[in-house]
Amino acid sequence: ATYTLAAKRMLERGHAPEPVMAAAFGTGALLLAPVLALG
């Protein structure tokens, strides 16, 4: 729900779906990088 509200806010402001998804999931991947490094 948190992700959906944030993404919808960006889409409502006129940003295209591709950069919105790329920013959200690219940054999310960076946040999860320690899991891959240490797991």
PDB file of all heavy atoms in Angstrom:
ATOM      1  N   ALA A   1       0.831  -1.204   0.000  1.00  0.00           N
ATOM      2  CA  ALA A   1       0.000   0.000   0.000  1.00  0.00           C
ATOM      3  C   ALA A   1       0.868   1.258   0.000  1.00  0.00           C
ATOM      4  O   ALA A   1       0.572   2.237  -0.698  1.00  0.00           O
ATOM      5  CB  ALA A   1      -0.917  -0.006   1.220  1.00  0.00           C
ATOM      6  N   THR A   2       1.950   1.240   0.769  1.00  0.00           N
ATOM      7  CA  THR A   2       2.857   2.384   0.834  1.00  0.00           C
ATOM      8  C   THR A   2       3.474   2.656  -0.528  1.00  0.00           C
ATOM      9  O   THR A   2       3.525   3.800  -1.006  1.00  0.00           O
ATOM     10  CB  THR A   2       3.963   2.127   1.870  1.00  0.00           C
ATOM     11  OG1 THR A   2       3.367   1.916   3.145  1.00  0.00           O
ATOM     12  CG2 THR A   2       4.925   3.293   1.940  1.00  0.00           C
ATOM     13  N   TYR A   3       3.954   1.598  -1.173  1.00  0.00           N
ATOM     14  CA  TYR A   3       4.537   1.751  -2.505  1.00  0.00           C
ATOM     15  C   TYR A   3       3.507   2.297  -3.497  1.00  0.00           C
ATOM     16  O   TYR A   3       3.796   3.201  -4.291  1.00  0.00           O
ATOM     17  CB  TYR A   3       5.075   0.409  -3.001  1.00  0.00           C
ATOM     18  CG  TYR A   3       5.129   0.337  -4.500  1.00  0.00           C
ATOM     19  CD1 TYR A   3       6.148   0.969  -5.205  1.00  0.00           C
ATOM     20  CD2 TYR A   3       4.126  -0.310  -5.217  1.00  0.00           C
ATOM     21  CE1 TYR A   3       6.179   0.939  -6.583  1.00  0.00           C
ATOM     22  CE2 TYR A   3       4.152  -0.338  -6.594  1.00  0.00           C
ATOM     23  CZ  TYR A   3       5.179   0.288  -7.277  1.00  0.00           C
ATOM     24  OH  TYR A   3       5.193   0.274  -8.644  1.00  0.00           O
ATOM     25  N   THR A   4       2.288   1.752  -3.456  1.00  0.00           N
ATOM     26  CA  THR A   4       1.262   2.159  -4.403  1.00  0.00           C
ATOM     27  C   THR A   4       0.917   3.633  -4.267  1.00  0.00           C
ATOM     28  O   THR A   4       0.781   4.349  -5.269  1.00  0.00           O
ATOM     29  CB  THR A   4      -0.005   1.306  -4.212  1.00  0.00           C
ATOM     30  OG1 THR A   4       0.322  -0.078  -4.412  1.00  0.00           O
ATOM     31  CG2 THR A   4      -1.091   1.701  -5.205  1.00  0.00           C
ATOM     32  N   LEU A   5       0.765   4.114  -3.038  1.00  0.00           N
ATOM     33  CA  LEU A   5       0.431   5.521  -2.824  1.00  0.00           C
ATOM     34  C   LEU A   5       1.545   6.437  -3.327  1.00  0.00           C
ATOM     35  O   LEU A   5       1.285   7.473  -3.946  1.00  0.00           O
ATOM     36  CB  LEU A   5       0.164   5.772  -1.340  1.00  0.00           C
ATOM     37  CG  LEU A   5      -1.159   5.230  -0.798  1.00  0.00           C
ATOM     38  CD1 LEU A   5      -1.216   5.411   0.714  1.00  0.00           C
ATOM     39  CD2 LEU A   5      -2.339   5.923  -1.458  1.00  0.00           C
ATOM     40  N   ALA A   6       2.795   6.063  -3.062  1.00  0.00           N
ATOM     41  CA  ALA A   6       3.909   6.896  -3.509  1.00  0.00           C
ATOM     42  C   ALA A   6       4.006   6.902  -5.034  1.00  0.00           C
ATOM     43  O   ALA A   6       4.226   7.956  -5.652  1.00  0.00           O
ATOM     44  CB  ALA A   6       5.216   6.401  -2.897  1.00  0.00           C
ATOM     45  N   ALA A   7       3.842   5.731  -5.652  1.00  0.00           N
ATOM     46  CA  ALA A   7       3.907   5.667  -7.113  1.00  0.00           C
ATOM     47  C   ALA A   7       2.754   6.441  -7.749  1.00  0.00           C
ATOM     48  O   ALA A   7       2.941   7.145  -8.747  1.00  0.00           O
ATOM     49  CB  ALA A   7       3.880   4.204  -7.557  1.00  0.00           C
ATOM     50  N   LYS A   8       1.558   6.316  -7.170  1.00  0.00           N
ATOM     51  CA  LYS A   8       0.410   7.031  -7.725  1.00  0.00           C
ATOM     52  C   LYS A   8       0.608   8.531  -7.622  1.00  0.00           C
ATOM     53  O   LYS A   8       0.221   9.281  -8.532  1.00  0.00           O
ATOM     54  CB  LYS A   8      -0.864   6.609  -6.982  1.00  0.00           C
ATOM     55  CG  LYS A   8      -2.131   7.186  -7.600  1.00  0.00           C
ATOM     56  CD  LYS A   8      -3.361   6.611  -6.946  1.00  0.00           C
ATOM     57  CE  LYS A   8      -4.630   7.162  -7.596  1.00  0.00           C
ATOM     58  NZ  LYS A   8      -5.842   6.624  -6.964  1.00  0.00           N
ATOM     59  N   ARG A   9       1.212   8.990  -6.529  1.00  0.00           N
ATOM     60  CA  ARG A   9       1.492  10.422  -6.394  1.00  0.00           C
ATOM     61  C   ARG A   9       2.376  10.905  -7.544  1.00  0.00           C
ATOM     62  O   ARG A   9       2.139  11.949  -8.136  1.00  0.00           O
ATOM     63  CB  ARG A   9       2.160  10.686  -5.044  1.00  0.00           C
ATOM     64  CG  ARG A   9       2.745  12.084  -4.867  1.00  0.00           C
ATOM     65  CD  ARG A   9       1.679  13.158  -4.804  1.00  0.00           C
ATOM     66  NE  ARG A   9       0.883  13.093  -3.606  1.00  0.00           N
ATOM     67  CZ  ARG A   9       1.155  13.752  -2.470  1.00  0.00           C
ATOM     68  NH1 ARG A   9       2.242  14.492  -2.399  1.00  0.00           N
ATOM     69  NH2 ARG A   9       0.342  13.661  -1.447  1.00  0.00           N
ATOM     70  N   MET A  10       3.411  10.139  -7.873  1.00  0.00           N
ATOM     71  CA  MET A  10       4.303  10.546  -8.957  1.00  0.00           C
ATOM     72  C   MET A  10       3.616  10.482 -10.311  1.00  0.00           C
ATOM     73  O   MET A  10       3.808  11.358 -11.164  1.00  0.00           O
ATOM     74  CB  MET A  10       5.558   9.673  -8.933  1.00  0.00           C
ATOM     75  CG  MET A  10       6.474   9.952  -7.747  1.00  0.00           C
ATOM     76  SD  MET A  10       8.037   9.033  -7.789  1.00  0.00           S
ATOM     77  CE  MET A  10       7.511   7.436  -7.118  1.00  0.00           C
ATOM     78  N   LEU A  11       2.789   9.454 -10.538  1.00  0.00           N
ATOM     79  CA  LEU A  11       2.070   9.348 -11.801  1.00  0.00           C
ATOM     80  C   LEU A  11       1.065  10.482 -11.959  1.00  0.00           C
ATOM     81  O   LEU A  11       0.885  11.018 -13.055  1.00  0.00           O
ATOM     82  CB  LEU A  11       1.356   7.993 -11.886  1.00  0.00           C
ATOM     83  CG  LEU A  11       2.260   6.766 -12.019  1.00  0.00           C
ATOM     84  CD1 LEU A  11       1.451   5.488 -11.828  1.00  0.00           C
ATOM     85  CD2 LEU A  11       2.960   6.750 -13.373  1.00  0.00           C
ATOM     86  N   GLU A  12       0.387  10.852 -10.864  1.00  0.00           N
ATOM     87  CA  GLU A  12      -0.582  11.942 -10.918  1.00  0.00           C
ATOM     88  C   GLU A  12       0.081  13.273 -11.249  1.00  0.00           C
ATOM     89  O   GLU A  12      -0.567  14.170 -11.779  1.00  0.00           O
ATOM     90  CB  GLU A  12      -1.327  12.062  -9.580  1.00  0.00           C
ATOM     91  CG  GLU A  12      -2.365  10.979  -9.366  1.00  0.00           C
ATOM     92  CD  GLU A  12      -3.063  11.106  -8.024  1.00  0.00           C
ATOM     93  OE1 GLU A  12      -2.480  11.729  -7.110  1.00  0.00           O
ATOM     94  OE2 GLU A  12      -4.177  10.580  -7.899  1.00  0.00           O
ATOM     95  N   ARG A  13       1.340  13.391 -10.949  1.00  0.00           N
ATOM     96  CA  ARG A  13       2.067  14.619 -11.224  1.00  0.00           C
ATOM     97  C   ARG A  13       2.670  14.635 -12.623  1.00  0.00           C
ATOM     98  O   ARG A  13       3.438  15.523 -12.974  1.00  0.00           O
ATOM     99  CB  ARG A  13       3.150  14.832 -10.174  1.00  0.00           C
ATOM    100  CG  ARG A  13       2.571  15.206  -8.822  1.00  0.00           C
ATOM    101  CD  ARG A  13       3.592  15.139  -7.710  1.00  0.00           C
ATOM    102  NE  ARG A  13       4.766  15.957  -7.977  1.00  0.00           N
ATOM    103  CZ  ARG A  13       5.785  16.068  -7.126  1.00  0.00           C
ATOM    104  NH1 ARG A  13       5.758  15.387  -5.981  1.00  0.00           N
ATOM    105  NH2 ARG A  13       6.808  16.822  -7.416  1.00  0.00           N
ATOM    106  N   GLY A  14       2.312  13.646 -13.434  1.00  0.00           N
ATOM    107  CA  GLY A  14       2.674  13.666 -14.844  1.00  0.00           C
ATOM    108  C   GLY A  14       3.922  12.914 -15.223  1.00  0.00           C
ATOM    109  O   GLY A  14       4.309  12.930 -16.398  1.00  0.00           O
ATOM    110  N   HIS A  15       4.560  12.238 -14.290  1.00  0.00           N
ATOM    111  CA  HIS A  15       5.753  11.466 -14.627  1.00  0.00           C
ATOM    112  C   HIS A  15       5.339  10.178 -15.358  1.00  0.00           C
ATOM    113  O   HIS A  15       4.316   9.565 -15.049  1.00  0.00           O
ATOM    114  CB  HIS A  15       6.545  11.120 -13.375  1.00  0.00           C
ATOM    115  CG  HIS A  15       7.138  12.320 -12.700  1.00  0.00           C
ATOM    116  ND1 HIS A  15       8.235  12.983 -13.184  1.00  0.00           N
ATOM    117  CD2 HIS A  15       6.766  12.988 -11.574  1.00  0.00           C
ATOM    118  CE1 HIS A  15       8.528  14.003 -12.409  1.00  0.00           C
ATOM    119  NE2 HIS A  15       7.658  14.020 -11.409  1.00  0.00           N
ATOM    120  N   ALA A  16       6.149   9.767 -16.312  1.00  0.00           N
ATOM    121  CA  ALA A  16       5.862   8.564 -17.085  1.00  0.00           C
ATOM    122  C   ALA A  16       6.073   7.310 -16.239  1.00  0.00           C
ATOM    123  O   ALA A  16       6.883   7.319 -15.305  1.00  0.00           O
ATOM    124  CB  ALA A  16       6.764   8.518 -18.317  1.00  0.00           C
ATOM    125  N   PRO A  17       5.360   6.226 -16.562  1.00  0.00           N
ATOM    126  CA  PRO A  17       5.483   4.999 -15.755  1.00  0.00           C
ATOM    127  C   PRO A  17       6.892   4.433 -15.702  1.00  0.00           C
ATOM    128  O   PRO A  17       7.332   3.953 -14.649  1.00  0.00           O
ATOM    129  CB  PRO A  17       4.521   4.017 -16.454  1.00  0.00           C
ATOM    130  CG  PRO A  17       3.555   4.879 -17.179  1.00  0.00           C
ATOM    131  CD  PRO A  17       4.317   6.092 -17.598  1.00  0.00           C
ATOM    132  N   GLU A  18       7.622   4.468 -16.826  1.00  0.00           N
ATOM    133  CA  GLU A  18       8.931   3.824 -16.865  1.00  0.00           C
ATOM    134  C   GLU A  18       9.937   4.450 -15.890  1.00  0.00           C
ATOM    135  O   GLU A  18      10.561   3.719 -15.119  1.00  0.00           O
ATOM    136  CB  GLU A  18       9.485   3.838 -18.303  1.00  0.00           C
ATOM    137  CG  GLU A  18       8.728   2.953 -19.271  1.00  0.00           C
ATOM    138  CD  GLU A  18       7.459   3.594 -19.798  1.00  0.00           C
ATOM    139  OE1 GLU A  18       7.256   4.809 -19.539  1.00  0.00           O
ATOM    140  OE2 GLU A  18       6.677   2.907 -20.460  1.00  0.00           O
ATOM    141  N   PRO A  19      10.121   5.785 -15.897  1.00  0.00           N
ATOM    142  CA  PRO A  19      11.062   6.339 -14.911  1.00  0.00           C
ATOM    143  C   PRO A  19      10.592   6.195 -13.472  1.00  0.00           C
ATOM    144  O   PRO A  19      11.414   6.040 -12.563  1.00  0.00           O
ATOM    145  CB  PRO A  19      11.183   7.818 -15.316  1.00  0.00           C
ATOM    146  CG  PRO A  19      10.023   8.095 -16.184  1.00  0.00           C
ATOM    147  CD  PRO A  19       9.684   6.801 -16.859  1.00  0.00           C
ATOM    148  N   VAL A  20       9.281   6.222 -13.241  1.00  0.00           N
ATOM    149  CA  VAL A  20       8.767   6.035 -11.886  1.00  0.00           C
ATOM    150  C   VAL A  20       9.115   4.633 -11.383  1.00  0.00           C
ATOM    151  O   VAL A  20       9.627   4.453 -10.274  1.00  0.00           O
ATOM    152  CB  VAL A  20       7.246   6.264 -11.843  1.00  0.00           C
ATOM    153  CG1 VAL A  20       6.666   5.806 -10.501  1.00  0.00           C
ATOM    154  CG2 VAL A  20       6.916   7.736 -12.062  1.00  0.00           C
ATOM    155  N   MET A  21       8.837   3.622 -12.209  1.00  0.00           N
ATOM    156  CA  MET A  21       9.142   2.253 -11.813  1.00  0.00           C
ATOM    157  C   MET A  21      10.651   2.028 -11.686  1.00  0.00           C
ATOM    158  O   MET A  21      11.127   1.342 -10.772  1.00  0.00           O
ATOM    159  CB  MET A  21       8.561   1.266 -12.838  1.00  0.00           C
ATOM    160  CG  MET A  21       7.050   1.294 -12.964  1.00  0.00           C
ATOM    161  SD  MET A  21       6.212   0.866 -11.426  1.00  0.00           S
ATOM    162  CE  MET A  21       5.656   2.485 -10.912  1.00  0.00           C
ATOM    163  N   ALA A  22      11.414   2.618 -12.607  1.00  0.00           N
ATOM    164  CA  ALA A  22      12.868   2.445 -12.559  1.00  0.00           C
ATOM    165  C   ALA A  22      13.451   3.049 -11.287  1.00  0.00           C
ATOM    166  O   ALA A  22      14.314   2.447 -10.639  1.00  0.00           O
ATOM    167  CB  ALA A  22      13.501   3.095 -13.789  1.00  0.00           C
ATOM    168  N   ALA A  23      12.979   4.235 -10.908  1.00  0.00           N
ATOM    169  CA  ALA A  23      13.500   4.881  -9.706  1.00  0.00           C
ATOM    170  C   ALA A  23      13.126   4.103  -8.457  1.00  0.00           C
ATOM    171  O   ALA A  23      13.968   3.881  -7.566  1.00  0.00           O
ATOM    172  CB  ALA A  23      12.958   6.309  -9.612  1.00  0.00           C
ATOM    173  N   ALA A  24      11.869   3.662  -8.367  1.00  0.00           N
ATOM    174  CA  ALA A  24      11.414   2.946  -7.178  1.00  0.00           C
ATOM    175  C   ALA A  24      12.134   1.611  -7.021  1.00  0.00           C
ATOM    176  O   ALA A  24      12.631   1.271  -5.931  1.00  0.00           O
ATOM    177  CB  ALA A  24       9.905   2.731  -7.243  1.00  0.00           C
ATOM    178  N   PHE A  25      12.215   0.850  -8.104  1.00  0.00           N
ATOM    179  CA  PHE A  25      12.793  -0.487  -7.995  1.00  0.00           C
ATOM    180  C   PHE A  25      14.319  -0.460  -8.048  1.00  0.00           C
ATOM    181  O   PHE A  25      14.975  -1.313  -7.441  1.00  0.00           O
ATOM    182  CB  PHE A  25      12.213  -1.395  -9.075  1.00  0.00           C
ATOM    183  CG  PHE A  25      10.837  -1.872  -8.740  1.00  0.00           C
ATOM    184  CD1 PHE A  25       9.728  -1.092  -8.999  1.00  0.00           C
ATOM    185  CD2 PHE A  25      10.645  -3.094  -8.129  1.00  0.00           C
ATOM    186  CE1 PHE A  25       8.459  -1.509  -8.664  1.00  0.00           C
ATOM    187  CE2 PHE A  25       9.380  -3.533  -7.787  1.00  0.00           C
ATOM    188  CZ  PHE A  25       8.282  -2.733  -8.057  1.00  0.00           C
ATOM    189  N   GLY A  26      14.893   0.510  -8.764  1.00  0.00           N
ATOM    190  CA  GLY A  26      16.343   0.633  -8.740  1.00  0.00           C
ATOM    191  C   GLY A  26      16.850   1.002  -7.356  1.00  0.00           C
ATOM    192  O   GLY A  26      17.815   0.420  -6.855  1.00  0.00           O
ATOM    193  N   THR A  27      16.163   1.957  -6.708  1.00  0.00           N
ATOM    194  CA  THR A  27      16.545   2.335  -5.348  1.00  0.00           C
ATOM    195  C   THR A  27      16.248   1.203  -4.373  1.00  0.00           C
ATOM    196  O   THR A  27      17.015   0.948  -3.439  1.00  0.00           O
ATOM    197  CB  THR A  27      15.805   3.613  -4.920  1.00  0.00           C
ATOM    198  OG1 THR A  27      16.001   4.634  -5.906  1.00  0.00           O
ATOM    199  CG2 THR A  27      16.297   4.109  -3.573  1.00  0.00           C
ATOM    200  N   GLY A  28      15.123   0.528  -4.579  1.00  0.00           N
ATOM    201  CA  GLY A  28      14.804  -0.620  -3.733  1.00  0.00           C
ATOM    202  C   GLY A  28      15.866  -1.706  -3.825  1.00  0.00           C
ATOM    203  O   GLY A  28      16.217  -2.341  -2.819  1.00  0.00           O
ATOM    204  N   ALA A  29      16.405  -1.912  -5.023  1.00  0.00           N
ATOM    205  CA  ALA A  29      17.471  -2.906  -5.198  1.00  0.00           C
ATOM    206  C   ALA A  29      18.713  -2.519  -4.411  1.00  0.00           C
ATOM    207  O   ALA A  29      19.390  -3.370  -3.818  1.00  0.00           O
ATOM    208  CB  ALA A  29      17.797  -3.057  -6.681  1.00  0.00           C
ATOM    209  N   LEU A  30      19.035  -1.229  -4.395  1.00  0.00           N
ATOM    210  CA  LEU A  30      20.183  -0.764  -3.615  1.00  0.00           C
ATOM    211  C   LEU A  30      19.972  -1.000  -2.119  1.00  0.00           C
ATOM    212  O   LEU A  30      20.898  -1.382  -1.399  1.00  0.00           O
ATOM    213  CB  LEU A  30      20.441   0.716  -3.885  1.00  0.00           C
ATOM    214  CG  LEU A  30      20.914   1.074  -5.297  1.00  0.00           C
ATOM    215  CD1 LEU A  30      21.050   2.584  -5.439  1.00  0.00           C
ATOM    216  CD2 LEU A  30      22.239   0.385  -5.619  1.00  0.00           C
ATOM    217  N   LEU A  31      18.732  -0.772  -1.655  1.00  0.00           N
ATOM    218  CA  LEU A  31      18.434  -0.995  -0.243  1.00  0.00           C
ATOM    219  C   LEU A  31      18.578  -2.467   0.137  1.00  0.00           C
ATOM    220  O   LEU A  31      18.941  -2.790   1.273  1.00  0.00           O
ATOM    221  CB  LEU A  31      17.014  -0.522   0.068  1.00  0.00           C
ATOM    222  CG  LEU A  31      16.760   0.988  -0.016  1.00  0.00           C
ATOM    223  CD1 LEU A  31      15.281   1.288   0.229  1.00  0.00           C
ATOM    224  CD2 LEU A  31      17.630   1.739   0.988  1.00  0.00           C
ATOM    225  N   LEU A  32      18.302  -3.350  -0.803  1.00  0.00           N
ATOM    226  CA  LEU A  32      18.375  -4.787  -0.526  1.00  0.00           C
ATOM    227  C   LEU A  32      19.728  -5.389  -0.874  1.00  0.00           C
ATOM    228  O   LEU A  32      19.938  -6.585  -0.665  1.00  0.00           O
ATOM    229  CB  LEU A  32      17.278  -5.523  -1.307  1.00  0.00           C
ATOM    230  CG  LEU A  32      15.844  -5.249  -0.847  1.00  0.00           C
ATOM    231  CD1 LEU A  32      14.852  -5.929  -1.782  1.00  0.00           C
ATOM    232  CD2 LEU A  32      15.635  -5.720   0.579  1.00  0.00           C
ATOM    233  N   ALA A  33      20.649  -4.570  -1.397  1.00  0.00           N
ATOM    234  CA  ALA A  33      21.971  -5.093  -1.769  1.00  0.00           C
ATOM    235  C   ALA A  33      22.697  -5.780  -0.604  1.00  0.00           C
ATOM    236  O   ALA A  33      23.341  -6.817  -0.802  1.00  0.00           O
ATOM    237  CB  ALA A  33      22.830  -3.975  -2.346  1.00  0.00           C
ATOM    238  N   PRO A  34      22.609  -5.247   0.636  1.00  0.00           N
ATOM    239  CA  PRO A  34      23.280  -5.952   1.749  1.00  0.00           C
ATOM    240  C   PRO A  34      22.759  -7.375   1.965  1.00  0.00           C
ATOM    241  O   PRO A  34      23.513  -8.240   2.445  1.00  0.00           O
ATOM    242  CB  PRO A  34      22.956  -5.058   2.960  1.00  0.00           C
ATOM    243  CG  PRO A  34      22.744  -3.697   2.380  1.00  0.00           C
ATOM    244  CD  PRO A  34      22.074  -3.939   1.066  1.00  0.00           C
ATOM    245  N   VAL A  35      21.497  -7.616   1.637  1.00  0.00           N
ATOM    246  CA  VAL A  35      20.952  -8.969   1.785  1.00  0.00           C
ATOM    247  C   VAL A  35      21.693  -9.929   0.863  1.00  0.00           C
ATOM    248  O   VAL A  35      22.032 -11.058   1.254  1.00  0.00           O
ATOM    249  CB  VAL A  35      19.440  -8.978   1.485  1.00  0.00           C
ATOM    250  CG1 VAL A  35      18.894 -10.402   1.522  1.00  0.00           C
ATOM    251  CG2 VAL A  35      18.691  -8.092   2.473  1.00  0.00           C
ATOM    252  N   LEU A  36      21.961  -9.488  -0.371  1.00  0.00           N
ATOM    253  CA  LEU A  36      22.686 -10.337  -1.312  1.00  0.00           C
ATOM    254  C   LEU A  36      24.163 -10.446  -0.937  1.00  0.00           C
ATOM    255  O   LEU A  36      24.794 -11.480  -1.151  1.00  0.00           O
ATOM    256  CB  LEU A  36      22.545  -9.779  -2.725  1.00  0.00           C
ATOM    257  CG  LEU A  36      21.154  -9.858  -3.349  1.00  0.00           C
ATOM    258  CD1 LEU A  36      21.148  -9.207  -4.731  1.00  0.00           C
ATOM    259  CD2 LEU A  36      20.685 -11.305  -3.456  1.00  0.00           C
ATOM    260  N   ALA A  37      24.707  -9.362  -0.370  1.00  0.00           N
ATOM    261  CA  ALA A  37      26.124  -9.374  -0.013  1.00  0.00           C
ATOM    262  C   ALA A  37      26.402 -10.244   1.202  1.00  0.00           C
ATOM    263  O   ALA A  37      27.452 -10.901   1.276  1.00  0.00           O
ATOM    264  CB  ALA A  37      26.601  -7.943   0.242  1.00  0.00           C
ATOM    265  N   LEU A  38      25.472 -10.261   2.149  1.00  0.00           N
ATOM    266  CA  LEU A  38      25.710 -10.958   3.418  1.00  0.00           C
ATOM    267  C   LEU A  38      24.932 -12.267   3.554  1.00  0.00           C
ATOM    268  O   LEU A  38      25.243 -13.072   4.429  1.00  0.00           O
ATOM    269  CB  LEU A  38      25.346 -10.030   4.588  1.00  0.00           C
ATOM    270  CG  LEU A  38      26.085  -8.690   4.634  1.00  0.00           C
ATOM    271  CD1 LEU A  38      25.543  -7.828   5.772  1.00  0.00           C
ATOM    272  CD2 LEU A  38      27.590  -8.912   4.787  1.00  0.00           C
ATOM    273  N   GLY A  39      23.909 -12.457   2.724  1.00  0.00           N
ATOM    274  CA  GLY A  39      23.065 -13.640   2.869  1.00  0.00           C
ATOM    275  C   GLY A  39      23.666 -14.876   2.210  1.00  0.00           C
ATOM    276  O   GLY A  39      24.701 -14.823   1.535  1.00  0.00           O
TER     277      GLY A  39
END
